[in-house]
Amino acid sequence: MTAQPAAPSPAELTALAAGHGLELDPESLRFNEASLDYRVVFATALDGEQWVLRRPTGGVQQDS
């Protein structure tokens, strides 16, 4: 099996979102690692809008 890549830090995640025009409140980030397919983050933008962000984990791969 191949290990999943490390989860982004809150600073990396807010920088990634900012690169797409989404300014997140770093204090609002709530990570949920329950899914095998996605990392889920609940966040609030600086304008008060709430967001659910999903980033694929790459899944678990088995070596042949």
PDB file of N, CA and C in Angstrom:
ATOM      1  N   MET A   1       0.830  -1.178   0.000  1.00  0.00           N
ATOM      2  CA  MET A   1       0.000   0.000   0.000  1.00  0.00           C
ATOM      3  C   MET A   1       0.877   1.244   0.000  1.00  0.00           C
ATOM      4  N   THR A   2       0.345   2.302  -0.621  1.00  0.00           N
ATOM      5  CA  THR A   2       1.040   3.572  -0.657  1.00  0.00           C
ATOM      6  C   THR A   2       0.418   4.489   0.383  1.00  0.00           C
ATOM      7  N   ALA A   3       1.241   5.159   1.167  1.00  0.00           N
ATOM      8  CA  ALA A   3       0.729   6.053   2.202  1.00  0.00           C
ATOM      9  C   ALA A   3       0.092   7.285   1.575  1.00  0.00           C
ATOM     10  N   GLN A   4      -0.895   7.827   2.273  1.00  0.00           N
ATOM     11  CA  GLN A   4      -1.535   9.047   1.816  1.00  0.00           C
ATOM     12  C   GLN A   4      -0.610  10.229   2.067  1.00  0.00           C
ATOM     13  N   PRO A   5      -0.685  11.260   1.202  1.00  0.00           N
ATOM     14  CA  PRO A   5       0.130  12.450   1.453  1.00  0.00           C
ATOM     15  C   PRO A   5      -0.311  13.126   2.740  1.00  0.00           C
ATOM     16  N   ALA A   6       0.605  13.849   3.345  1.00  0.00           N
ATOM     17  CA  ALA A   6       0.300  14.532   4.601  1.00  0.00           C
ATOM     18  C   ALA A   6      -0.776  15.585   4.392  1.00  0.00           C
ATOM     19  N   ALA A   7      -1.610  15.756   5.398  1.00  0.00           N
ATOM     20  CA  ALA A   7      -2.654  16.781   5.343  1.00  0.00           C
ATOM     21  C   ALA A   7      -1.990  18.153   5.352  1.00  0.00           C
ATOM     22  N   PRO A   8      -2.554  19.109   4.610  1.00  0.00           N
ATOM     23  CA  PRO A   8      -1.979  20.453   4.633  1.00  0.00           C
ATOM     24  C   PRO A   8      -2.177  21.096   6.002  1.00  0.00           C
ATOM     25  N   SER A   9      -1.243  21.935   6.377  1.00  0.00           N
ATOM     26  CA  SER A   9      -1.374  22.675   7.634  1.00  0.00           C
ATOM     27  C   SER A   9      -2.426  23.763   7.448  1.00  0.00           C
ATOM     28  N   PRO A  10      -2.939  24.323   8.541  1.00  0.00           N
ATOM     29  CA  PRO A  10      -3.894  25.433   8.396  1.00  0.00           C
ATOM     30  C   PRO A  10      -3.322  26.586   7.562  1.00  0.00           C
ATOM     31  N   ALA A  11      -2.043  26.901   7.739  1.00  0.00           N
ATOM     32  CA  ALA A  11      -1.425  27.979   6.960  1.00  0.00           C
ATOM     33  C   ALA A  11      -1.384  27.633   5.478  1.00  0.00           C
ATOM     34  N   GLU A  12      -1.043  26.376   5.157  1.00  0.00           N
ATOM     35  CA  GLU A  12      -1.019  25.949   3.756  1.00  0.00           C
ATOM     36  C   GLU A  12      -2.409  25.978   3.150  1.00  0.00           C
ATOM     37  N   LEU A  13      -3.402  25.551   3.916  1.00  0.00           N
ATOM     38  CA  LEU A  13      -4.768  25.521   3.419  1.00  0.00           C
ATOM     39  C   LEU A  13      -5.301  26.928   3.172  1.00  0.00           C
ATOM     40  N   THR A  14      -5.050  27.863   4.090  1.00  0.00           N
ATOM     41  CA  THR A  14      -5.524  29.231   3.881  1.00  0.00           C
ATOM     42  C   THR A  14      -4.812  29.877   2.702  1.00  0.00           C
ATOM     43  N   ALA A  15      -3.534  29.563   2.498  1.00  0.00           N
ATOM     44  CA  ALA A  15      -2.797  30.094   1.345  1.00  0.00           C
ATOM     45  C   ALA A  15      -3.345  29.509   0.045  1.00  0.00           C
ATOM     46  N   LEU A  16      -3.648  28.228   0.038  1.00  0.00           N
ATOM     47  CA  LEU A  16      -4.217  27.582  -1.151  1.00  0.00           C
ATOM     48  C   LEU A  16      -5.571  28.197  -1.488  1.00  0.00           C
ATOM     49  N   ALA A  17      -6.417  28.384  -0.484  1.00  0.00           N
ATOM     50  CA  ALA A  17      -7.727  28.994  -0.709  1.00  0.00           C
ATOM     51  C   ALA A  17      -7.573  30.431  -1.217  1.00  0.00           C
ATOM     52  N   ALA A  18      -6.644  31.187  -0.639  1.00  0.00           N
ATOM     53  CA  ALA A  18      -6.420  32.567  -1.064  1.00  0.00           C
ATOM     54  C   ALA A  18      -5.991  32.632  -2.525  1.00  0.00           C
ATOM     55  N   GLY A  19      -5.236  31.638  -2.977  1.00  0.00           N
ATOM     56  CA  GLY A  19      -4.824  31.576  -4.374  1.00  0.00           C
ATOM     57  C   GLY A  19      -6.008  31.417  -5.323  1.00  0.00           C
ATOM     58  N   HIS A  20      -7.146  31.004  -4.778  1.00  0.00           N
ATOM     59  CA  HIS A  20      -8.376  30.858  -5.562  1.00  0.00           C
ATOM     60  C   HIS A  20      -9.386  31.959  -5.227  1.00  0.00           C
ATOM     61  N   GLY A  21      -8.913  33.008  -4.524  1.00  0.00           N
ATOM     62  CA  GLY A  21      -9.770  34.144  -4.215  1.00  0.00           C
ATOM     63  C   GLY A  21     -10.650  33.973  -2.999  1.00  0.00           C
ATOM     64  N   LEU A  22     -10.396  32.955  -2.179  1.00  0.00           N
ATOM     65  CA  LEU A  22     -11.201  32.687  -0.988  1.00  0.00           C
ATOM     66  C   LEU A  22     -10.359  32.989   0.250  1.00  0.00           C
ATOM     67  N   GLU A  23     -10.739  34.037   0.975  1.00  0.00           N
ATOM     68  CA  GLU A  23     -10.005  34.443   2.175  1.00  0.00           C
ATOM     69  C   GLU A  23     -10.669  33.818   3.396  1.00  0.00           C
ATOM     70  N   LEU A  24     -10.014  32.826   3.979  1.00  0.00           N
ATOM     71  CA  LEU A  24     -10.567  32.096   5.126  1.00  0.00           C
ATOM     72  C   LEU A  24     -10.055  32.652   6.444  1.00  0.00           C
ATOM     73  N   ASP A  25     -10.893  32.543   7.461  1.00  0.00           N
ATOM     74  CA  ASP A  25     -10.482  32.857   8.827  1.00  0.00           C
ATOM     75  C   ASP A  25      -9.745  31.626   9.347  1.00  0.00           C
ATOM     76  N   PRO A  26      -8.433  31.709   9.559  1.00  0.00           N
ATOM     77  CA  PRO A  26      -7.674  30.524   9.981  1.00  0.00           C
ATOM     78  C   PRO A  26      -8.158  29.925  11.307  1.00  0.00           C
ATOM     79  N   GLU A  27      -8.739  30.749  12.172  1.00  0.00           N
ATOM     80  CA  GLU A  27      -9.241  30.262  13.465  1.00  0.00           C
ATOM     81  C   GLU A  27     -10.503  29.419  13.310  1.00  0.00           C
ATOM     82  N   SER A  28     -11.165  29.498  12.150  1.00  0.00           N
ATOM     83  CA  SER A  28     -12.433  28.792  11.961  1.00  0.00           C
ATOM     84  C   SER A  28     -12.262  27.379  11.400  1.00  0.00           C
ATOM     85  N   LEU A  29     -11.064  27.009  10.982  1.00  0.00           N
ATOM     86  CA  LEU A  29     -10.854  25.721  10.312  1.00  0.00           C
ATOM     87  C   LEU A  29     -11.121  24.550  11.253  1.00  0.00           C
ATOM     88  N   ARG A  30     -11.960  23.624  10.782  1.00  0.00           N
ATOM     89  CA  ARG A  30     -12.263  22.394  11.522  1.00  0.00           C
ATOM     90  C   ARG A  30     -12.064  21.231  10.559  1.00  0.00           C
ATOM     91  N   PHE A  31     -11.084  20.396  10.846  1.00  0.00           N
ATOM     92  CA  PHE A  31     -10.729  19.289   9.965  1.00  0.00           C
ATOM     93  C   PHE A  31     -11.536  18.048  10.319  1.00  0.00           C
ATOM     94  N   ASN A  32     -11.935  17.285   9.281  1.00  0.00           N
ATOM     95  CA  ASN A  32     -12.649  16.023   9.460  1.00  0.00           C
ATOM     96  C   ASN A  32     -11.942  14.996   8.594  1.00  0.00           C
ATOM     97  N   GLU A  33     -11.329  14.021   9.208  1.00  0.00           N
ATOM     98  CA  GLU A  33     -10.555  13.001   8.500  1.00  0.00           C
ATOM     99  C   GLU A  33     -11.312  11.684   8.386  1.00  0.00           C
ATOM    100  N   ALA A  34     -12.647  11.712   8.468  1.00  0.00           N
ATOM    101  CA  ALA A  34     -13.437  10.490   8.480  1.00  0.00           C
ATOM    102  C   ALA A  34     -13.489   9.792   7.120  1.00  0.00           C
ATOM    103  N   SER A  35     -13.291  10.521   6.049  1.00  0.00           N
ATOM    104  CA  SER A  35     -13.402   9.952   4.702  1.00  0.00           C
ATOM    105  C   SER A  35     -12.065   9.404   4.228  1.00  0.00           C
ATOM    106  N   LEU A  36     -12.114   8.282   3.515  1.00  0.00           N
ATOM    107  CA  LEU A  36     -10.891   7.735   2.919  1.00  0.00           C
ATOM    108  C   LEU A  36     -10.558   8.413   1.595  1.00  0.00           C
ATOM    109  N   ASP A  37     -11.561   9.010   0.962  1.00  0.00           N
ATOM    110  CA  ASP A  37     -11.377   9.598  -0.359  1.00  0.00           C
ATOM    111  C   ASP A  37     -11.082  11.089  -0.329  1.00  0.00           C
ATOM    112  N   TYR A  38     -11.545  11.781   0.709  1.00  0.00           N
ATOM    113  CA  TYR A  38     -11.383  13.224   0.787  1.00  0.00           C
ATOM    114  C   TYR A  38     -10.987  13.646   2.188  1.00  0.00           C
ATOM    115  N   ARG A  39     -10.232  14.732   2.257  1.00  0.00           N
ATOM    116  CA  ARG A  39     -10.044  15.428   3.521  1.00  0.00           C
ATOM    117  C   ARG A  39     -11.058  16.555   3.489  1.00  0.00           C
ATOM    118  N   VAL A  40     -11.811  16.708   4.542  1.00  0.00           N
ATOM    119  CA  VAL A  40     -12.864  17.713   4.589  1.00  0.00           C
ATOM    120  C   VAL A  40     -12.502  18.756   5.636  1.00  0.00           C
ATOM    121  N   VAL A  41     -12.699  20.018   5.270  1.00  0.00           N
ATOM    122  CA  VAL A  41     -12.457  21.127   6.190  1.00  0.00           C
ATOM    123  C   VAL A  41     -13.687  22.015   6.184  1.00  0.00           C
ATOM    124  N   PHE A  42     -14.189  22.304   7.368  1.00  0.00           N
ATOM    125  CA  PHE A  42     -15.267  23.264   7.533  1.00  0.00           C
ATOM    126  C   PHE A  42     -14.596  24.584   7.897  1.00  0.00           C
ATOM    127  N   ALA A  43     -14.978  25.664   7.211  1.00  0.00           N
ATOM    128  CA  ALA A  43     -14.313  26.945   7.424  1.00  0.00           C
ATOM    129  C   ALA A  43     -15.288  28.092   7.220  1.00  0.00           C
ATOM    130  N   THR A  44     -14.911  29.250   7.744  1.00  0.00           N
ATOM    131  CA  THR A  44     -15.669  30.478   7.532  1.00  0.00           C
ATOM    132  C   THR A  44     -14.755  31.483   6.858  1.00  0.00           C
ATOM    133  N   ALA A  45     -15.259  32.096   5.792  1.00  0.00           N
ATOM    134  CA  ALA A  45     -14.501  33.129   5.091  1.00  0.00           C
ATOM    135  C   ALA A  45     -14.531  34.410   5.913  1.00  0.00           C
ATOM    136  N   LEU A  46     -13.633  35.332   5.596  1.00  0.00           N
ATOM    137  CA  LEU A  46     -13.572  36.593   6.328  1.00  0.00           C
ATOM    138  C   LEU A  46     -14.856  37.409   6.172  1.00  0.00           C
ATOM    139  N   ASP A  47     -15.629  37.159   5.105  1.00  0.00           N
ATOM    140  CA  ASP A  47     -16.904  37.858   4.913  1.00  0.00           C
ATOM    141  C   ASP A  47     -18.064  37.184   5.649  1.00  0.00           C
ATOM    142  N   GLY A  48     -17.780  36.103   6.406  1.00  0.00           N
ATOM    143  CA  GLY A  48     -18.790  35.407   7.189  1.00  0.00           C
ATOM    144  C   GLY A  48     -19.432  34.219   6.490  1.00  0.00           C
ATOM    145  N   GLU A  49     -19.167  34.052   5.198  1.00  0.00           N
ATOM    146  CA  GLU A  49     -19.727  32.919   4.445  1.00  0.00           C
ATOM    147  C   GLU A  49     -19.095  31.615   4.938  1.00  0.00           C
ATOM    148  N   GLN A  50     -19.929  30.598   5.151  1.00  0.00           N
ATOM    149  CA  GLN A  50     -19.417  29.308   5.606  1.00  0.00           C
ATOM    150  C   GLN A  50     -19.127  28.417   4.400  1.00  0.00           C
ATOM    151  N   TRP A  51     -18.069  27.633   4.521  1.00  0.00           N
ATOM    152  CA  TRP A  51     -17.616  26.774   3.428  1.00  0.00           C
ATOM    153  C   TRP A  51     -17.335  25.368   3.932  1.00  0.00           C
ATOM    154  N   VAL A  52     -17.528  24.406   3.027  1.00  0.00           N
ATOM    155  CA  VAL A  52     -17.073  23.032   3.234  1.00  0.00           C
ATOM    156  C   VAL A  52     -16.111  22.757   2.087  1.00  0.00           C
ATOM    157  N   LEU A  53     -14.861  22.505   2.422  1.00  0.00           N
ATOM    158  CA  LEU A  53     -13.821  22.272   1.426  1.00  0.00           C
ATOM    159  C   LEU A  53     -13.453  20.799   1.417  1.00  0.00           C
ATOM    160  N   ARG A  54     -13.327  20.238   0.225  1.00  0.00           N
ATOM    161  CA  ARG A  54     -12.922  18.830   0.105  1.00  0.00           C
ATOM    162  C   ARG A  54     -11.699  18.772  -0.788  1.00  0.00           C
ATOM    163  N   ARG A  55     -10.737  17.994  -0.356  1.00  0.00           N
ATOM    164  CA  ARG A  55      -9.526  17.791  -1.148  1.00  0.00           C
ATOM    165  C   ARG A  55      -9.290  16.290  -1.251  1.00  0.00           C
ATOM    166  N   PRO A  56      -9.179  15.775  -2.482  1.00  0.00           N
ATOM    167  CA  PRO A  56      -8.946  14.325  -2.627  1.00  0.00           C
ATOM    168  C   PRO A  56      -7.668  13.903  -1.907  1.00  0.00           C
ATOM    169  N   THR A  57      -7.725  12.734  -1.282  1.00  0.00           N
ATOM    170  CA  THR A  57      -6.541  12.219  -0.591  1.00  0.00           C
ATOM    171  C   THR A  57      -5.639  11.438  -1.524  1.00  0.00           C
ATOM    172  N   GLY A  58      -6.159  11.032  -2.646  1.00  0.00           N
ATOM    173  CA  GLY A  58      -5.397  10.162  -3.549  1.00  0.00           C
ATOM    174  C   GLY A  58      -5.764   8.710  -3.322  1.00  0.00           C
ATOM    175  N   GLY A  59      -6.535   8.458  -2.260  1.00  0.00           N
ATOM    176  CA  GLY A  59      -6.989   7.097  -1.987  1.00  0.00           C
ATOM    177  C   GLY A  59      -5.860   6.197  -1.562  1.00  0.00           C
ATOM    178  N   VAL A  60      -6.213   5.003  -1.226  1.00  0.00           N
ATOM    179  CA  VAL A  60      -5.228   3.980  -0.843  1.00  0.00           C
ATOM    180  C   VAL A  60      -4.973   3.117  -2.061  1.00  0.00           C
ATOM    181  N   GLN A  61      -3.728   3.012  -2.434  1.00  0.00           N
ATOM    182  CA  GLN A  61      -3.366   2.196  -3.597  1.00  0.00           C
ATOM    183  C   GLN A  61      -2.661   0.946  -3.117  1.00  0.00           C
ATOM    184  N   GLN A  62      -2.948  -0.147  -3.804  1.00  0.00           N
ATOM    185  CA  GLN A  62      -2.258  -1.402  -3.465  1.00  0.00           C
ATOM    186  C   GLN A  62      -1.219  -1.681  -4.537  1.00  0.00           C
ATOM    187  N   ASP A  63      -0.052  -2.086  -4.081  1.00  0.00           N
ATOM    188  CA  ASP A  63       1.002  -2.464  -5.022  1.00  0.00           C
ATOM    189  C   ASP A  63       0.715  -3.863  -5.557  1.00  0.00           C
ATOM    190  N   SER A  64       1.005  -4.074  -6.835  1.00  0.00           N
ATOM    191  CA  SER A  64       0.763  -5.378  -7.443  1.00  0.00           C
ATOM    192  C   SER A  64       1.843  -6.365  -7.094  1.00  0.00           C
TER     193      SER A  64
END
